[in-house]
N, C-alpha and C. Protein backbone atom coordinates (compact mmCIF):
# COMPACT_ATOMS: atom_id res chain seq x y z
N MET A 1 23.58 152.90 99.57
CA MET A 1 23.77 151.75 98.72
C MET A 1 25.14 151.13 98.91
N GLY A 2 26.16 151.96 99.13
CA GLY A 2 27.49 151.42 99.38
C GLY A 2 28.21 151.08 98.09
N ASN A 3 29.48 150.77 98.23
CA ASN A 3 30.29 150.42 97.09
C ASN A 3 30.38 148.90 97.01
N HIS A 4 29.52 148.30 96.18
CA HIS A 4 29.54 146.85 96.03
C HIS A 4 29.33 146.50 94.57
N SER A 5 29.76 145.31 94.20
CA SER A 5 29.66 144.86 92.83
C SER A 5 28.23 144.43 92.53
N ILE A 6 27.71 144.88 91.42
CA ILE A 6 26.34 144.55 91.02
C ILE A 6 26.43 143.70 89.77
N SER A 7 25.82 142.54 89.80
CA SER A 7 25.94 141.63 88.66
C SER A 7 25.22 142.18 87.44
N ASP A 8 25.71 141.78 86.28
CA ASP A 8 25.07 142.20 85.03
C ASP A 8 23.67 141.60 84.91
N ASP A 9 23.48 140.39 85.47
CA ASP A 9 22.16 139.77 85.43
C ASP A 9 21.14 140.60 86.19
N LEU A 10 21.54 141.13 87.35
CA LEU A 10 20.63 141.98 88.12
C LEU A 10 20.30 143.25 87.35
N LYS A 11 21.30 143.86 86.75
CA LYS A 11 21.05 145.08 85.97
C LYS A 11 20.08 144.80 84.83
N GLU A 12 20.30 143.68 84.12
CA GLU A 12 19.39 143.30 83.02
C GLU A 12 17.97 143.10 83.53
N ALA A 13 17.83 142.40 84.67
CA ALA A 13 16.50 142.15 85.22
C ALA A 13 15.81 143.44 85.62
N LEU A 14 16.56 144.36 86.22
CA LEU A 14 15.96 145.63 86.62
C LEU A 14 15.56 146.46 85.42
N LEU A 15 16.34 146.43 84.36
CA LEU A 15 15.97 147.16 83.14
C LEU A 15 14.75 146.52 82.48
N ARG A 16 14.62 145.20 82.55
CA ARG A 16 13.41 144.55 82.02
C ARG A 16 12.19 144.98 82.83
N LEU A 17 12.35 145.09 84.16
CA LEU A 17 11.25 145.59 84.99
C LEU A 17 10.86 147.00 84.56
N GLU A 18 11.86 147.82 84.31
CA GLU A 18 11.60 149.20 83.90
C GLU A 18 10.92 149.23 82.53
N ASP A 19 11.38 148.38 81.61
CA ASP A 19 10.78 148.33 80.27
C ASP A 19 9.33 147.86 80.32
N ARG A 20 9.03 146.98 81.26
CA ARG A 20 7.67 146.46 81.40
C ARG A 20 6.70 147.58 81.76
N GLY A 21 7.17 148.55 82.55
CA GLY A 21 6.37 149.72 82.86
C GLY A 21 5.38 149.58 83.99
N ARG A 22 5.36 148.48 84.68
CA ARG A 22 4.40 148.28 85.77
C ARG A 22 4.89 148.85 87.10
N ASP A 23 6.22 148.94 87.25
CA ASP A 23 6.79 149.40 88.51
C ASP A 23 7.42 150.77 88.32
N SER A 24 7.37 151.57 89.38
CA SER A 24 8.00 152.89 89.32
C SER A 24 9.51 152.72 89.46
N THR A 25 10.25 153.74 89.03
CA THR A 25 11.71 153.70 89.12
C THR A 25 12.16 153.57 90.57
N SER A 26 11.49 154.26 91.47
CA SER A 26 11.88 154.17 92.89
C SER A 26 11.67 152.76 93.44
N GLU A 27 10.60 152.07 93.00
CA GLU A 27 10.38 150.68 93.44
C GLU A 27 11.47 149.76 92.89
N ILE A 28 11.83 149.98 91.64
CA ILE A 28 12.87 149.17 91.01
C ILE A 28 14.20 149.37 91.73
N LEU A 29 14.52 150.63 92.06
CA LEU A 29 15.76 150.91 92.79
C LEU A 29 15.77 150.25 94.16
N LYS A 30 14.61 150.25 94.81
CA LYS A 30 14.51 149.65 96.15
C LYS A 30 14.67 148.13 96.06
N VAL A 31 14.02 147.51 95.08
CA VAL A 31 14.12 146.05 94.91
C VAL A 31 15.55 145.64 94.60
N GLY A 32 16.20 146.38 93.69
CA GLY A 32 17.55 146.03 93.29
C GLY A 32 18.63 146.53 94.22
N GLN A 33 18.25 147.39 95.14
CA GLN A 33 19.20 148.00 96.08
C GLN A 33 20.38 148.62 95.34
N ILE A 34 20.04 149.42 94.30
CA ILE A 34 21.06 150.14 93.54
C ILE A 34 20.69 151.61 93.50
N SER A 35 21.63 152.43 93.11
CA SER A 35 21.38 153.87 93.01
C SER A 35 20.78 154.21 91.66
N ARG A 36 20.18 155.39 91.58
CA ARG A 36 19.59 155.86 90.34
C ARG A 36 20.65 155.99 89.25
N SER A 37 21.84 156.49 89.64
CA SER A 37 22.91 156.67 88.64
C SER A 37 23.38 155.33 88.07
N THR A 38 23.40 154.29 88.89
CA THR A 38 23.79 152.96 88.40
C THR A 38 22.79 152.46 87.36
N LEU A 39 21.50 152.65 87.66
CA LEU A 39 20.47 152.24 86.72
C LEU A 39 20.58 153.03 85.42
N CYS A 40 20.84 154.34 85.53
CA CYS A 40 20.99 155.18 84.33
C CYS A 40 22.19 154.75 83.49
N ARG A 41 23.32 154.46 84.16
CA ARG A 41 24.51 154.00 83.42
C ARG A 41 24.24 152.68 82.71
N ALA A 42 23.53 151.76 83.39
CA ALA A 42 23.22 150.46 82.78
C ALA A 42 22.31 150.65 81.57
N ARG A 43 21.31 151.54 81.69
CA ARG A 43 20.41 151.81 80.59
C ARG A 43 21.16 152.40 79.40
N LYS A 44 22.05 153.36 79.67
CA LYS A 44 22.83 154.01 78.61
C LYS A 44 23.75 153.00 77.92
N ARG A 45 24.43 152.15 78.73
CA ARG A 45 25.34 151.16 78.16
C ARG A 45 24.58 150.17 77.29
N ARG A 46 23.38 149.76 77.73
CA ARG A 46 22.58 148.81 76.94
C ARG A 46 22.15 149.45 75.62
N CYS A 47 21.81 150.74 75.65
CA CYS A 47 21.42 151.43 74.41
C CYS A 47 22.59 151.56 73.45
N GLU A 48 23.79 151.81 73.99
CA GLU A 48 24.96 152.02 73.14
C GLU A 48 25.56 150.73 72.60
N THR A 49 25.60 149.70 73.46
CA THR A 49 26.31 148.46 73.07
C THR A 49 25.42 147.25 72.94
N GLY A 50 24.19 147.33 73.46
CA GLY A 50 23.31 146.18 73.44
C GLY A 50 23.47 145.28 74.66
N SER A 51 24.38 145.65 75.55
CA SER A 51 24.63 144.86 76.76
C SER A 51 24.91 145.80 77.92
N VAL A 52 24.56 145.37 79.13
CA VAL A 52 24.85 146.18 80.31
C VAL A 52 26.27 145.93 80.82
N ALA A 53 26.93 144.94 80.27
CA ALA A 53 28.28 144.58 80.74
C ALA A 53 29.28 145.66 80.36
N LYS A 54 30.19 145.95 81.27
CA LYS A 54 31.24 146.91 81.00
C LYS A 54 32.20 146.32 79.99
N ALA A 55 32.78 147.18 79.17
CA ALA A 55 33.80 146.74 78.22
C ALA A 55 35.02 146.29 79.01
N GLN A 56 35.68 145.27 78.52
CA GLN A 56 36.85 144.76 79.23
C GLN A 56 37.96 145.80 79.20
N ALA A 57 38.54 146.04 80.36
CA ALA A 57 39.61 147.03 80.46
C ALA A 57 40.84 146.56 79.71
N ILE A 58 41.51 147.49 79.06
CA ILE A 58 42.73 147.17 78.32
C ILE A 58 43.86 146.96 79.31
N GLY A 59 44.64 145.93 79.10
CA GLY A 59 45.77 145.66 79.97
C GLY A 59 45.42 144.86 81.21
N ARG A 60 44.18 144.39 81.30
CA ARG A 60 43.77 143.63 82.48
C ARG A 60 43.84 142.13 82.23
N GLY A 61 44.39 141.73 81.12
CA GLY A 61 44.49 140.31 80.81
C GLY A 61 43.29 139.84 80.01
N CYS A 62 43.38 138.64 79.50
CA CYS A 62 42.28 138.12 78.72
C CYS A 62 41.47 137.14 79.56
N PRO A 63 40.24 136.88 79.18
CA PRO A 63 39.44 135.94 79.95
C PRO A 63 40.02 134.53 79.86
N ARG A 64 39.63 133.71 80.77
CA ARG A 64 40.13 132.33 80.76
C ARG A 64 39.73 131.64 79.46
N THR A 65 40.68 130.95 78.88
CA THR A 65 40.39 130.27 77.62
C THR A 65 39.89 128.85 77.85
N LEU A 66 40.11 128.32 79.03
CA LEU A 66 39.69 126.95 79.31
C LEU A 66 38.36 126.93 80.05
N LEU A 67 37.43 126.17 79.54
CA LEU A 67 36.18 125.95 80.27
C LEU A 67 36.45 124.97 81.39
N GLN A 68 35.48 124.82 82.29
CA GLN A 68 35.65 123.90 83.41
C GLN A 68 35.85 122.47 82.91
N ALA A 69 35.16 122.12 81.84
CA ALA A 69 35.32 120.76 81.28
C ALA A 69 36.74 120.54 80.79
N ASP A 70 37.34 121.58 80.19
CA ASP A 70 38.72 121.47 79.72
C ASP A 70 39.69 121.35 80.90
N ALA A 71 39.43 122.13 81.95
CA ALA A 71 40.27 122.07 83.15
C ALA A 71 40.16 120.69 83.80
N ASP A 72 38.93 120.15 83.86
CA ASP A 72 38.74 118.81 84.42
C ASP A 72 39.50 117.76 83.59
N TYR A 73 39.48 117.93 82.27
CA TYR A 73 40.21 117.03 81.37
C TYR A 73 41.70 117.04 81.70
N LEU A 74 42.27 118.25 81.89
CA LEU A 74 43.68 118.36 82.24
C LEU A 74 43.99 117.68 83.56
N VAL A 75 43.14 117.88 84.55
CA VAL A 75 43.36 117.27 85.87
C VAL A 75 43.28 115.75 85.77
N ARG A 76 42.33 115.24 84.99
CA ARG A 76 42.24 113.79 84.79
C ARG A 76 43.49 113.26 84.12
N LEU A 77 43.99 113.99 83.13
CA LEU A 77 45.24 113.58 82.47
C LEU A 77 46.39 113.55 83.46
N ALA A 78 46.47 114.56 84.30
CA ALA A 78 47.57 114.64 85.27
C ALA A 78 47.48 113.50 86.28
N ARG A 79 46.28 113.14 86.67
CA ARG A 79 46.13 112.03 87.62
C ARG A 79 46.46 110.70 86.94
N HIS A 80 46.14 110.58 85.65
CA HIS A 80 46.40 109.34 84.93
C HIS A 80 47.88 109.17 84.62
N LYS A 81 48.51 110.25 84.17
CA LYS A 81 49.92 110.18 83.81
C LYS A 81 50.63 111.45 84.30
N PRO A 82 51.00 111.47 85.57
CA PRO A 82 51.54 112.69 86.16
C PRO A 82 52.94 113.07 85.69
N THR A 83 53.60 112.25 84.91
CA THR A 83 54.94 112.59 84.45
C THR A 83 54.93 113.40 83.15
N THR A 84 53.74 113.73 82.65
CA THR A 84 53.62 114.49 81.41
C THR A 84 54.06 115.94 81.63
N PHE A 85 54.75 116.51 80.65
CA PHE A 85 55.20 117.90 80.73
C PHE A 85 54.08 118.84 80.26
N LEU A 86 54.18 120.10 80.64
CA LEU A 86 53.15 121.08 80.29
C LEU A 86 52.97 121.20 78.78
N ASP A 87 54.05 121.15 78.02
CA ASP A 87 53.90 121.27 76.57
C ASP A 87 53.17 120.06 75.99
N GLU A 88 53.29 118.90 76.63
CA GLU A 88 52.55 117.73 76.18
C GLU A 88 51.06 117.89 76.47
N TYR A 89 50.72 118.50 77.63
CA TYR A 89 49.31 118.80 77.91
C TYR A 89 48.77 119.78 76.87
N ARG A 90 49.59 120.78 76.52
CA ARG A 90 49.17 121.77 75.52
C ARG A 90 48.90 121.08 74.18
N ASP A 91 49.78 120.16 73.79
CA ASP A 91 49.60 119.44 72.53
C ASP A 91 48.33 118.60 72.55
N ARG A 92 48.05 117.97 73.69
CA ARG A 92 46.82 117.16 73.79
C ARG A 92 45.57 118.03 73.69
N LEU A 93 45.61 119.19 74.35
CA LEU A 93 44.46 120.10 74.26
C LEU A 93 44.22 120.51 72.81
N GLU A 94 45.30 120.79 72.11
CA GLU A 94 45.15 121.24 70.72
C GLU A 94 44.71 120.09 69.82
N ARG A 95 45.27 118.90 70.03
CA ARG A 95 44.96 117.77 69.16
C ARG A 95 43.55 117.23 69.40
N TYR A 96 43.16 117.04 70.67
CA TYR A 96 41.90 116.36 70.96
C TYR A 96 40.75 117.30 71.29
N ARG A 97 41.06 118.54 71.70
CA ARG A 97 40.00 119.50 72.04
C ARG A 97 39.99 120.69 71.09
N HIS A 98 40.94 120.72 70.15
CA HIS A 98 41.06 121.83 69.19
C HIS A 98 41.08 123.17 69.93
N LEU A 99 41.87 123.20 71.00
CA LEU A 99 41.93 124.37 71.86
C LEU A 99 43.38 124.78 72.09
N PRO A 100 43.82 125.86 71.48
CA PRO A 100 45.18 126.32 71.77
C PRO A 100 45.22 126.97 73.15
N ALA A 101 46.20 126.61 73.94
CA ALA A 101 46.35 127.18 75.29
C ALA A 101 47.83 127.36 75.57
N SER A 102 48.15 128.41 76.29
CA SER A 102 49.54 128.66 76.63
C SER A 102 49.96 127.79 77.81
N LEU A 103 51.27 127.66 77.97
CA LEU A 103 51.79 126.90 79.12
C LEU A 103 51.38 127.56 80.43
N ALA A 104 51.34 128.89 80.45
CA ALA A 104 50.94 129.61 81.66
C ALA A 104 49.49 129.30 82.02
N THR A 105 48.62 129.22 81.01
CA THR A 105 47.21 128.89 81.25
C THR A 105 47.08 127.50 81.85
N ILE A 106 47.83 126.56 81.32
CA ILE A 106 47.78 125.18 81.83
C ILE A 106 48.32 125.13 83.25
N HIS A 107 49.41 125.85 83.51
CA HIS A 107 49.98 125.89 84.86
C HIS A 107 48.99 126.49 85.84
N ARG A 108 48.33 127.60 85.48
CA ARG A 108 47.34 128.23 86.36
C ARG A 108 46.15 127.31 86.59
N THR A 109 45.79 126.53 85.58
CA THR A 109 44.69 125.58 85.74
C THR A 109 45.02 124.55 86.81
N PHE A 110 46.25 124.05 86.82
CA PHE A 110 46.66 123.10 87.84
C PHE A 110 46.70 123.75 89.22
N ILE A 111 47.12 125.01 89.28
CA ILE A 111 47.15 125.72 90.56
C ILE A 111 45.73 125.89 91.09
N ARG A 112 44.79 126.28 90.20
CA ARG A 112 43.40 126.44 90.62
C ARG A 112 42.81 125.11 91.08
N ALA A 113 43.27 124.01 90.50
CA ALA A 113 42.80 122.68 90.90
C ALA A 113 43.51 122.19 92.15
N ARG A 114 44.35 123.07 92.72
CA ARG A 114 45.11 122.78 93.94
C ARG A 114 46.04 121.58 93.76
N MET A 115 46.59 121.47 92.57
CA MET A 115 47.58 120.43 92.29
C MET A 115 48.95 121.08 92.36
N SER A 116 49.68 120.76 93.37
CA SER A 116 51.01 121.33 93.52
C SER A 116 52.04 120.42 92.84
N LEU A 117 53.23 120.94 92.66
CA LEU A 117 54.32 120.15 92.09
C LEU A 117 54.59 118.93 92.96
N LYS A 118 54.48 119.11 94.27
CA LYS A 118 54.72 118.01 95.19
C LYS A 118 53.71 116.88 94.97
N GLN A 119 52.43 117.24 94.78
CA GLN A 119 51.41 116.22 94.53
C GLN A 119 51.68 115.49 93.22
N VAL A 120 52.04 116.24 92.19
CA VAL A 120 52.30 115.62 90.89
C VAL A 120 53.50 114.68 90.98
N GLN A 121 54.55 115.11 91.69
CA GLN A 121 55.73 114.25 91.86
C GLN A 121 55.36 112.99 92.65
N LYS A 122 54.50 113.15 93.67
CA LYS A 122 54.08 111.99 94.46
C LYS A 122 53.28 111.02 93.59
N MET A 123 52.37 111.57 92.76
CA MET A 123 51.60 110.71 91.87
C MET A 123 52.53 110.01 90.89
N ALA A 124 53.53 110.72 90.40
CA ALA A 124 54.48 110.13 89.45
C ALA A 124 55.26 109.00 90.09
N SER A 125 55.68 109.19 91.34
CA SER A 125 56.45 108.14 92.01
C SER A 125 55.59 106.90 92.27
N GLU A 126 54.29 107.12 92.47
CA GLU A 126 53.38 105.99 92.70
C GLU A 126 52.95 105.34 91.39
N HIS A 127 53.35 105.91 90.28
CA HIS A 127 52.89 105.45 88.98
C HIS A 127 53.94 104.59 88.28
N SER A 128 54.88 104.05 89.04
CA SER A 128 55.95 103.26 88.47
C SER A 128 55.44 101.89 88.03
N PRO A 129 55.55 101.54 86.76
CA PRO A 129 55.09 100.23 86.29
C PRO A 129 55.84 99.07 86.95
N LEU A 130 57.13 99.24 87.21
CA LEU A 130 57.91 98.18 87.85
C LEU A 130 57.44 97.95 89.29
N ALA A 131 57.21 99.04 90.01
CA ALA A 131 56.73 98.91 91.39
C ALA A 131 55.35 98.26 91.42
N ARG A 132 54.49 98.64 90.48
CA ARG A 132 53.16 98.03 90.43
C ARG A 132 53.24 96.53 90.12
N ALA A 133 54.09 96.16 89.18
CA ALA A 133 54.23 94.75 88.82
C ALA A 133 54.78 93.96 89.99
N SER A 134 55.75 94.52 90.68
CA SER A 134 56.33 93.84 91.85
C SER A 134 55.28 93.65 92.94
N TYR A 135 54.50 94.69 93.18
CA TYR A 135 53.44 94.61 94.20
C TYR A 135 52.40 93.56 93.79
N SER A 136 51.99 93.58 92.54
CA SER A 136 50.99 92.61 92.06
C SER A 136 51.50 91.18 92.23
N ARG A 137 52.78 90.95 91.93
CA ARG A 137 53.36 89.62 92.09
C ARG A 137 53.34 89.18 93.55
N ARG A 138 53.74 90.07 94.46
CA ARG A 138 53.78 89.73 95.88
C ARG A 138 52.39 89.49 96.46
N ILE A 139 51.41 90.29 96.06
CA ILE A 139 50.08 90.23 96.66
C ILE A 139 49.24 89.10 96.06
N SER A 140 49.64 88.59 94.88
CA SER A 140 48.82 87.59 94.19
C SER A 140 48.79 86.24 94.91
N ILE A 141 49.66 86.03 95.89
CA ILE A 141 49.63 84.74 96.60
C ILE A 141 48.47 84.67 97.59
N TYR A 142 47.81 85.81 97.88
CA TYR A 142 46.70 85.82 98.83
C TYR A 142 45.37 85.88 98.09
N PRO A 143 44.35 85.16 98.59
CA PRO A 143 43.02 85.28 97.98
C PRO A 143 42.44 86.67 98.28
N ALA A 144 41.59 87.15 97.38
CA ALA A 144 41.04 88.51 97.51
C ALA A 144 40.25 88.68 98.79
N ARG A 145 39.59 87.65 99.28
CA ARG A 145 38.77 87.78 100.49
C ARG A 145 39.63 88.02 101.74
N CYS A 146 40.93 87.79 101.63
CA CYS A 146 41.82 87.99 102.77
C CYS A 146 42.48 89.38 102.78
N LEU A 147 42.19 90.19 101.80
CA LEU A 147 42.84 91.50 101.71
C LEU A 147 41.95 92.60 102.27
N ILE A 148 42.55 93.48 103.05
CA ILE A 148 41.85 94.65 103.61
C ILE A 148 42.72 95.86 103.34
N SER A 149 42.11 96.92 102.86
CA SER A 149 42.83 98.17 102.65
C SER A 149 42.68 99.04 103.88
N ILE A 150 43.76 99.67 104.28
CA ILE A 150 43.74 100.54 105.45
C ILE A 150 44.13 101.94 104.99
N ASP A 151 43.41 102.92 105.48
CA ASP A 151 43.66 104.30 105.08
C ASP A 151 43.59 105.19 106.31
N GLU A 152 44.28 106.30 106.24
CA GLU A 152 44.21 107.26 107.32
C GLU A 152 43.66 108.57 106.77
N VAL A 153 42.97 109.29 107.62
CA VAL A 153 42.41 110.57 107.24
C VAL A 153 42.75 111.56 108.32
N SER A 154 43.18 112.74 107.92
CA SER A 154 43.44 113.76 108.92
C SER A 154 42.33 114.78 108.87
N LYS A 155 42.03 115.36 110.00
CA LYS A 155 40.99 116.37 110.10
C LYS A 155 41.65 117.71 110.38
N ASP A 156 41.20 118.70 109.67
CA ASP A 156 41.73 120.05 109.82
C ASP A 156 40.54 120.98 110.00
N ASP A 157 40.62 121.91 110.93
CA ASP A 157 39.50 122.81 111.18
C ASP A 157 39.21 123.72 109.99
N ARG A 158 40.15 123.87 109.06
CA ARG A 158 39.94 124.74 107.92
C ARG A 158 39.19 124.06 106.79
N ILE A 159 39.18 122.73 106.74
CA ILE A 159 38.47 122.03 105.68
C ILE A 159 37.47 121.07 106.31
N TYR A 160 36.39 120.82 105.61
CA TYR A 160 35.35 119.96 106.15
C TYR A 160 35.09 118.74 105.29
N THR A 161 35.82 118.60 104.18
CA THR A 161 35.63 117.44 103.33
C THR A 161 36.97 116.81 103.01
N ARG A 162 36.91 115.60 102.57
CA ARG A 162 38.12 114.89 102.16
C ARG A 162 38.34 115.18 100.69
N ILE A 163 39.53 115.58 100.32
CA ILE A 163 39.80 116.01 98.95
C ILE A 163 40.10 114.82 98.05
N PHE A 164 40.92 113.89 98.51
CA PHE A 164 41.33 112.78 97.65
C PHE A 164 40.80 111.46 98.19
N GLY A 165 40.40 110.58 97.30
CA GLY A 165 40.04 109.22 97.65
C GLY A 165 38.67 109.11 98.27
N ARG A 166 38.15 107.93 98.18
CA ARG A 166 36.88 107.61 98.84
C ARG A 166 36.88 106.12 99.10
N SER A 167 36.03 105.71 99.99
CA SER A 167 36.04 104.31 100.38
C SER A 167 34.62 103.78 100.45
N THR A 168 34.47 102.51 100.12
CA THR A 168 33.20 101.83 100.30
C THR A 168 33.48 100.58 101.11
N GLY A 169 32.50 100.11 101.80
CA GLY A 169 32.65 98.89 102.58
C GLY A 169 33.56 99.06 103.78
N ILE A 170 33.42 100.12 104.51
CA ILE A 170 34.24 100.34 105.69
C ILE A 170 33.83 99.34 106.76
N ILE A 171 34.80 98.59 107.27
CA ILE A 171 34.48 97.58 108.29
C ILE A 171 34.85 98.04 109.69
N ALA A 172 35.69 99.05 109.80
CA ALA A 172 36.07 99.56 111.12
C ALA A 172 36.59 100.98 110.98
N ALA A 173 36.37 101.77 112.02
CA ALA A 173 36.87 103.14 112.03
C ALA A 173 37.20 103.54 113.45
N LYS A 174 38.15 104.46 113.57
CA LYS A 174 38.53 104.96 114.89
C LYS A 174 38.95 106.41 114.75
N VAL A 175 38.46 107.23 115.66
CA VAL A 175 38.81 108.65 115.64
C VAL A 175 39.76 108.91 116.79
N VAL A 176 40.89 109.51 116.46
CA VAL A 176 41.91 109.81 117.47
C VAL A 176 42.33 111.26 117.29
N GLU A 177 42.30 112.02 118.36
CA GLU A 177 42.79 113.38 118.28
C GLU A 177 44.30 113.36 118.43
N GLY A 178 44.99 114.00 117.52
CA GLY A 178 46.45 113.97 117.54
C GLY A 178 46.95 112.78 116.75
N SER A 179 48.17 112.37 117.03
CA SER A 179 48.78 111.25 116.30
C SER A 179 48.43 109.93 116.95
N LEU A 180 48.37 108.90 116.14
CA LEU A 180 48.12 107.55 116.63
C LEU A 180 49.45 106.83 116.78
N CYS A 181 49.74 106.36 117.99
CA CYS A 181 51.01 105.66 118.21
C CYS A 181 50.88 104.19 117.78
N ARG A 182 51.99 103.49 117.75
CA ARG A 182 52.02 102.09 117.32
C ARG A 182 51.13 101.23 118.19
N LYS A 183 51.20 101.42 119.49
CA LYS A 183 50.40 100.61 120.42
C LYS A 183 48.90 100.80 120.15
N GLY A 184 48.48 102.04 119.98
CA GLY A 184 47.08 102.32 119.69
C GLY A 184 46.64 101.71 118.36
N TYR A 185 47.53 101.73 117.37
CA TYR A 185 47.22 101.18 116.06
C TYR A 185 47.07 99.66 116.14
N VAL A 186 47.98 99.00 116.85
CA VAL A 186 47.90 97.54 117.01
C VAL A 186 46.62 97.16 117.76
N GLU A 187 46.28 97.91 118.80
CA GLU A 187 45.03 97.65 119.53
C GLU A 187 43.82 97.80 118.62
N PHE A 188 43.84 98.84 117.79
CA PHE A 188 42.74 99.04 116.84
C PHE A 188 42.62 97.85 115.89
N LEU A 189 43.75 97.37 115.36
CA LEU A 189 43.71 96.21 114.46
C LEU A 189 43.16 94.97 115.16
N GLN A 190 43.63 94.73 116.38
CA GLN A 190 43.19 93.54 117.12
C GLN A 190 41.72 93.63 117.53
N ASP A 191 41.32 94.77 118.05
CA ASP A 191 39.96 94.90 118.60
C ASP A 191 38.90 95.15 117.55
N SER A 192 39.21 95.94 116.54
CA SER A 192 38.17 96.36 115.59
C SER A 192 38.23 95.67 114.24
N VAL A 193 39.43 95.36 113.77
CA VAL A 193 39.55 94.80 112.43
C VAL A 193 39.54 93.28 112.45
N VAL A 194 40.42 92.68 113.27
CA VAL A 194 40.54 91.22 113.29
C VAL A 194 39.37 90.61 114.03
N ARG A 195 39.00 91.19 115.18
CA ARG A 195 37.91 90.73 116.05
C ARG A 195 38.02 89.27 116.31
């Protein structure tokens, strides 16, 4: 059988099969690929506690207090206003979600969401109201039909999807292995974009 983790759901299902009485214990062990002693321990634990789940070990930390929806809420807040401090996120969770959370929990949530300090600082620098107003003033002299957004994407053998951003209405694309030099970029604009 080997030393591998067996889910509580599997143990529950195997005990239900045993309770049903249609299958022999050896058939149940073969289907579940578990040992007889594992099945006996699960049966004993269910009789004693009502659940096959092991009691949480003391000193191993507490379970996560934030659900995925709460974590998503924090990430959305960080993307909307990246200059917010952790204690302000904690206050928002308590005020709007009635969920007390420690600063460490909030910090770990951002780490699990792969939001580094560098990303948050970058988002904060791009979130300047003065810079946005200046850009809007400069760009407003052009009609919308004359504007094209250009984006670059890098490919890494370790990841297969794009993490940030998405695009619709792509009018031109070019794949280049390595870096794209100025000459290649100008040729791409002339040949594929301007046409």
